[in-house]
Amino acid sequence: MDTRVALIGIIIENTDSVEKLNKILSQYASYIIGRMGIPYHEKGINIISVTLDAPQNITSALSGKIGSLQGITAKTIYASEKK
């Protein structure tokens, strides 16, 4: 199956959902290349970037599950497909 590199940007405004977020991310661990988290105390938010190499339907499913969590926003960008 063809895979594509993608970056999911995650903004956490409700830390009550972090446990659910971590559980979802662990379910997709085999596709995750790297993860970086940055607490932004001045704004009361946390920012996480997750880089994946996965089929597009897997990336979309993960992003959708993350975005459905209360107080969490997720947006995905994709690398260009290699020809």
C-alpha atoms as a PDB file:
ATOM      1  CA  MET A   1       0.000   0.000   0.000  1.00  0.00           C
ATOM      2  CA  ASP A   2       1.303   3.465  -0.865  1.00  0.00           C
ATOM      3  CA  THR A   3       2.160   5.696   2.055  1.00  0.00           C
ATOM      4  CA  ARG A   4       2.549   9.416   2.326  1.00  0.00           C
ATOM      5  CA  VAL A   5       4.402  11.608   4.811  1.00  0.00           C
ATOM      6  CA  ALA A   6       2.088  13.903   6.738  1.00  0.00           C
ATOM      7  CA  LEU A   7       2.206  16.282   9.678  1.00  0.00           C
ATOM      8  CA  ILE A   8      -0.690  16.601  12.091  1.00  0.00           C
ATOM      9  CA  GLY A   9      -0.665  19.834  14.075  1.00  0.00           C
ATOM     10  CA  ILE A  10      -2.557  19.522  17.350  1.00  0.00           C
ATOM     11  CA  ILE A  11      -3.662  22.322  19.686  1.00  0.00           C
ATOM     12  CA  ILE A  12      -4.790  21.249  23.152  1.00  0.00           C
ATOM     13  CA  GLU A  13      -6.981  23.701  25.023  1.00  0.00           C
ATOM     14  CA  ASN A  14      -8.558  21.137  27.369  1.00  0.00           C
ATOM     15  CA  THR A  15      -6.061  18.951  29.201  1.00  0.00           C
ATOM     16  CA  ASP A  16      -8.891  16.668  30.358  1.00  0.00           C
ATOM     17  CA  SER A  17      -8.695  15.066  26.884  1.00  0.00           C
ATOM     18  CA  VAL A  18      -4.938  14.360  26.935  1.00  0.00           C
ATOM     19  CA  GLU A  19      -5.304  10.797  28.206  1.00  0.00           C
ATOM     20  CA  LYS A  20      -7.688   9.980  25.352  1.00  0.00           C
ATOM     21  CA  LEU A  21      -5.328  11.667  22.882  1.00  0.00           C
ATOM     22  CA  ASN A  22      -2.363   9.594  24.060  1.00  0.00           C
ATOM     23  CA  LYS A  23      -4.415   6.404  23.813  1.00  0.00           C
ATOM     24  CA  ILE A  24      -5.357   7.230  20.197  1.00  0.00           C
ATOM     25  CA  LEU A  25      -1.765   8.072  19.277  1.00  0.00           C
ATOM     26  CA  SER A  26      -0.524   4.805  20.766  1.00  0.00           C
ATOM     27  CA  GLN A  27      -2.963   2.889  18.529  1.00  0.00           C
ATOM     28  CA  TYR A  28      -1.213   4.423  15.485  1.00  0.00           C
ATOM     29  CA  ALA A  29       2.339   4.162  16.846  1.00  0.00           C
ATOM     30  CA  SER A  30       3.551   1.977  13.981  1.00  0.00           C
ATOM     31  CA  TYR A  31       2.942   4.868  11.546  1.00  0.00           C
ATOM     32  CA  ILE A  32       4.417   7.665  13.691  1.00  0.00           C
ATOM     33  CA  ILE A  33       7.894   8.850  12.701  1.00  0.00           C
ATOM     34  CA  GLY A  34       8.196  11.445  15.460  1.00  0.00           C
ATOM     35  CA  ARG A  35       6.308  13.612  17.900  1.00  0.00           C
ATOM     36  CA  MET A  36       7.119  16.943  19.526  1.00  0.00           C
ATOM     37  CA  GLY A  37       5.155  18.688  22.240  1.00  0.00           C
ATOM     38  CA  ILE A  38       5.458  22.297  23.337  1.00  0.00           C
ATOM     39  CA  PRO A  39       3.632  23.722  26.360  1.00  0.00           C
ATOM     40  CA  TYR A  40       2.697  27.369  25.869  1.00  0.00           C
ATOM     41  CA  HIS A  41       1.996  28.419  29.443  1.00  0.00           C
ATOM     42  CA  GLU A  42       1.321  32.080  28.642  1.00  0.00           C
ATOM     43  CA  LYS A  43      -1.694  31.086  26.512  1.00  0.00           C
ATOM     44  CA  GLY A  44      -2.707  28.043  28.555  1.00  0.00           C
ATOM     45  CA  ILE A  45      -2.401  25.651  25.613  1.00  0.00           C
ATOM     46  CA  ASN A  46      -0.191  22.797  24.467  1.00  0.00           C
ATOM     47  CA  ILE A  47       0.987  22.265  20.903  1.00  0.00           C
ATOM     48  CA  ILE A  48       1.911  18.858  19.498  1.00  0.00           C
ATOM     49  CA  SER A  49       3.223  17.988  16.065  1.00  0.00           C
ATOM     50  CA  VAL A  50       3.018  14.368  14.941  1.00  0.00           C
ATOM     51  CA  THR A  51       4.811  13.229  11.788  1.00  0.00           C
ATOM     52  CA  LEU A  52       3.540  10.096  10.062  1.00  0.00           C
ATOM     53  CA  ASP A  53       4.362   7.880   7.132  1.00  0.00           C
ATOM     54  CA  ALA A  54       1.063   6.132   6.482  1.00  0.00           C
ATOM     55  CA  PRO A  55      -1.591   5.449   3.877  1.00  0.00           C
ATOM     56  CA  GLN A  56      -3.763   8.531   3.425  1.00  0.00           C
ATOM     57  CA  ASN A  57      -6.872   6.815   4.828  1.00  0.00           C
ATOM     58  CA  ILE A  58      -4.978   5.968   8.045  1.00  0.00           C
ATOM     59  CA  THR A  59      -3.771   9.556   8.434  1.00  0.00           C
ATOM     60  CA  SER A  60      -7.285  10.891   7.829  1.00  0.00           C
ATOM     61  CA  ALA A  61      -8.762   8.482  10.375  1.00  0.00           C
ATOM     62  CA  LEU A  62      -6.201   9.469  12.997  1.00  0.00           C
ATOM     63  CA  SER A  63      -6.694  13.187  12.403  1.00  0.00           C
ATOM     64  CA  GLY A  64     -10.474  12.792  12.579  1.00  0.00           C
ATOM     65  CA  LYS A  65     -10.332  10.882  15.862  1.00  0.00           C
ATOM     66  CA  ILE A  66      -8.033  13.496  17.370  1.00  0.00           C
ATOM     67  CA  GLY A  67     -10.180  16.379  16.143  1.00  0.00           C
ATOM     68  CA  SER A  68     -13.302  14.841  17.668  1.00  0.00           C
ATOM     69  CA  LEU A  69     -11.869  15.117  21.181  1.00  0.00           C
ATOM     70  CA  GLN A  70     -13.285  17.879  23.379  1.00  0.00           C
ATOM     71  CA  GLY A  71     -10.990  20.932  23.468  1.00  0.00           C
ATOM     72  CA  ILE A  72      -8.540  19.597  20.872  1.00  0.00           C
ATOM     73  CA  THR A  73      -8.069  20.825  17.306  1.00  0.00           C
ATOM     74  CA  ALA A  74      -6.108  18.932  14.638  1.00  0.00           C
ATOM     75  CA  LYS A  75      -5.076  19.920  11.114  1.00  0.00           C
ATOM     76  CA  THR A  76      -3.134  17.801   8.644  1.00  0.00           C
ATOM     77  CA  ILE A  77      -0.717  18.716   5.880  1.00  0.00           C
ATOM     78  CA  TYR A  78       0.794  16.279   3.413  1.00  0.00           C
ATOM     79  CA  ALA A  79       4.160  16.130   1.666  1.00  0.00           C
ATOM     80  CA  SER A  80       4.029  16.082  -2.123  1.00  0.00           C
ATOM     81  CA  GLU A  81       3.663  12.655  -3.621  1.00  0.00           C
ATOM     82  CA  LYS A  82       6.838  11.354  -5.235  1.00  0.00           C
ATOM     83  CA  LYS A  83       6.370  10.481  -8.891  1.00  0.00           C
END
